Amino acid sequence: MKVNFSKDSKEFIFKTKSFISEDNPQRAKQYTLKLVSRITDMLQYPFIGKINATFNDEKIREIVLDGTKIIYKIYPKSVSILMM
């Protein structure tokens, strides 16, 4: 299953990486790679997340990784990360 990142989710990842880089650029890179990898791995089973209460839609779900809530939408052949 393919995972697509929205503009907002990419911006969140970029800002988080920039913030961490202020103190430790290597750690920022590691954290970013870990976060994206865990999202991609976990969403191979997209129904693992719980239904997001705000949207109340079977296909819009959320997971929490390292304290970050990730809201995503399930499509037949892909998953789109809507926001983080």
C-alpha atoms as a PDB file:
ATOM      1  CA  MET A   1       0.000   0.000   0.000  1.00  0.00           C
ATOM      2  CA  LYS A   2       1.322   3.417  -0.950  1.00  0.00           C
ATOM      3  CA  VAL A   3       1.533   6.208   1.645  1.00  0.00           C
ATOM      4  CA  ASN A   4       1.121   9.809   0.466  1.00  0.00           C
ATOM      5  CA  PHE A   5       1.920  12.841   2.614  1.00  0.00           C
ATOM      6  CA  SER A   6      -0.175  16.016   2.333  1.00  0.00           C
ATOM      7  CA  LYS A   7       1.456  19.428   2.114  1.00  0.00           C
ATOM      8  CA  ASP A   8       0.557  20.098   5.777  1.00  0.00           C
ATOM      9  CA  SER A   9       2.049  16.824   6.995  1.00  0.00           C
ATOM     10  CA  LYS A  10       5.269  17.425   5.028  1.00  0.00           C
ATOM     11  CA  GLU A  11       5.470  20.917   6.505  1.00  0.00           C
ATOM     12  CA  PHE A  12       5.039  19.506  10.022  1.00  0.00           C
ATOM     13  CA  ILE A  13       7.876  17.034   9.463  1.00  0.00           C
ATOM     14  CA  PHE A  14      10.122  19.763   8.027  1.00  0.00           C
ATOM     15  CA  LYS A  15       9.419  22.159  10.927  1.00  0.00           C
ATOM     16  CA  THR A  16      10.005  19.420  13.497  1.00  0.00           C
ATOM     17  CA  LYS A  17      13.293  18.499  11.850  1.00  0.00           C
ATOM     18  CA  SER A  18      14.369  22.163  11.763  1.00  0.00           C
ATOM     19  CA  PHE A  19      13.500  22.616  15.441  1.00  0.00           C
ATOM     20  CA  ILE A  20      15.466  19.545  16.535  1.00  0.00           C
ATOM     21  CA  SER A  21      18.365  20.539  14.247  1.00  0.00           C
ATOM     22  CA  GLU A  22      18.943  23.682  16.293  1.00  0.00           C
ATOM     23  CA  ASP A  23      20.395  21.481  19.044  1.00  0.00           C
ATOM     24  CA  ASN A  24      21.406  18.310  17.235  1.00  0.00           C
ATOM     25  CA  PRO A  25      21.318  18.021  13.423  1.00  0.00           C
ATOM     26  CA  GLN A  26      22.164  14.306  13.455  1.00  0.00           C
ATOM     27  CA  ARG A  27      19.377  13.555  15.930  1.00  0.00           C
ATOM     28  CA  ALA A  28      16.930  15.549  13.771  1.00  0.00           C
ATOM     29  CA  LYS A  29      17.776  13.450  10.738  1.00  0.00           C
ATOM     30  CA  GLN A  30      17.442  10.205  12.719  1.00  0.00           C
ATOM     31  CA  TYR A  31      14.109  11.261  14.218  1.00  0.00           C
ATOM     32  CA  THR A  32      12.687  12.266  10.829  1.00  0.00           C
ATOM     33  CA  LEU A  33      13.724   9.014   9.173  1.00  0.00           C
ATOM     34  CA  LYS A  34      12.359   7.004  12.107  1.00  0.00           C
ATOM     35  CA  LEU A  35       9.015   8.835  12.060  1.00  0.00           C
ATOM     36  CA  VAL A  36       8.478   8.442   8.299  1.00  0.00           C
ATOM     37  CA  SER A  37       9.598   4.807   8.408  1.00  0.00           C
ATOM     38  CA  ARG A  38       7.260   3.955  11.295  1.00  0.00           C
ATOM     39  CA  ILE A  39       4.345   5.664   9.540  1.00  0.00           C
ATOM     40  CA  THR A  40       5.014   3.790   6.319  1.00  0.00           C
ATOM     41  CA  ASP A  41       5.410   0.448   8.125  1.00  0.00           C
ATOM     42  CA  MET A  42       2.393   0.848  10.381  1.00  0.00           C
ATOM     43  CA  LEU A  43       0.090   1.932   7.586  1.00  0.00           C
ATOM     44  CA  GLN A  44       0.651  -1.293   5.701  1.00  0.00           C
ATOM     45  CA  TYR A  45      -2.247  -2.261   8.016  1.00  0.00           C
ATOM     46  CA  PRO A  46      -4.292   0.964   7.787  1.00  0.00           C
ATOM     47  CA  PHE A  47      -7.265  -0.184   9.857  1.00  0.00           C
ATOM     48  CA  ILE A  48      -4.986  -0.502  12.895  1.00  0.00           C
ATOM     49  CA  GLY A  49      -5.718   3.115  13.824  1.00  0.00           C
ATOM     50  CA  LYS A  50      -8.869   4.223  15.581  1.00  0.00           C
ATOM     51  CA  ILE A  51     -11.590   6.197  13.836  1.00  0.00           C
ATOM     52  CA  ASN A  52     -10.978   9.920  14.278  1.00  0.00           C
ATOM     53  CA  ALA A  53     -13.783  11.382  16.421  1.00  0.00           C
ATOM     54  CA  THR A  54     -13.748  14.770  14.693  1.00  0.00           C
ATOM     55  CA  PHE A  55     -14.423  13.398  11.220  1.00  0.00           C
ATOM     56  CA  ASN A  56     -16.389  10.321  12.359  1.00  0.00           C
ATOM     57  CA  ASP A  57     -15.659   8.527   9.086  1.00  0.00           C
ATOM     58  CA  GLU A  58     -14.658   4.855   8.841  1.00  0.00           C
ATOM     59  CA  LYS A  59     -11.911   5.773   6.365  1.00  0.00           C
ATOM     60  CA  ILE A  60     -10.386   8.638   8.386  1.00  0.00           C
ATOM     61  CA  ARG A  61      -8.341   7.268  11.250  1.00  0.00           C
ATOM     62  CA  GLU A  62      -5.558   8.235  13.612  1.00  0.00           C
ATOM     63  CA  ILE A  63      -2.506   6.750  15.233  1.00  0.00           C
ATOM     64  CA  VAL A  64      -0.107   8.236  17.768  1.00  0.00           C
ATOM     65  CA  LEU A  65       3.625   7.794  17.260  1.00  0.00           C
ATOM     66  CA  ASP A  66       6.152   9.298  19.665  1.00  0.00           C
ATOM     67  CA  GLY A  67       3.501  11.687  20.999  1.00  0.00           C
ATOM     68  CA  THR A  68       2.452  12.885  17.533  1.00  0.00           C
ATOM     69  CA  LYS A  69      -1.137  12.304  16.433  1.00  0.00           C
ATOM     70  CA  ILE A  70      -1.249  11.317  12.771  1.00  0.00           C
ATOM     71  CA  ILE A  71      -4.590  11.581  10.987  1.00  0.00           C
ATOM     72  CA  TYR A  72      -4.913   9.699   7.731  1.00  0.00           C
ATOM     73  CA  LYS A  73      -7.473   8.653   5.130  1.00  0.00           C
ATOM     74  CA  ILE A  74      -7.685   5.177   3.653  1.00  0.00           C
ATOM     75  CA  TYR A  75      -8.191   4.782  -0.089  1.00  0.00           C
ATOM     76  CA  PRO A  76      -8.441   1.467  -1.982  1.00  0.00           C
ATOM     77  CA  LYS A  77      -4.749   1.392  -2.968  1.00  0.00           C
ATOM     78  CA  SER A  78      -3.181   4.071  -0.812  1.00  0.00           C
ATOM     79  CA  VAL A  79      -3.224   5.948   2.463  1.00  0.00           C
ATOM     80  CA  SER A  80      -2.944   9.726   2.641  1.00  0.00           C
ATOM     81  CA  ILE A  81      -1.504  11.418   5.704  1.00  0.00           C
ATOM     82  CA  LEU A  82      -3.846  14.378   6.176  1.00  0.00           C
ATOM     83  CA  MET A  83      -2.281  16.094   9.176  1.00  0.00           C
ATOM     84  CA  MET A  84       0.010  15.608  12.115  1.00  0.00           C
END
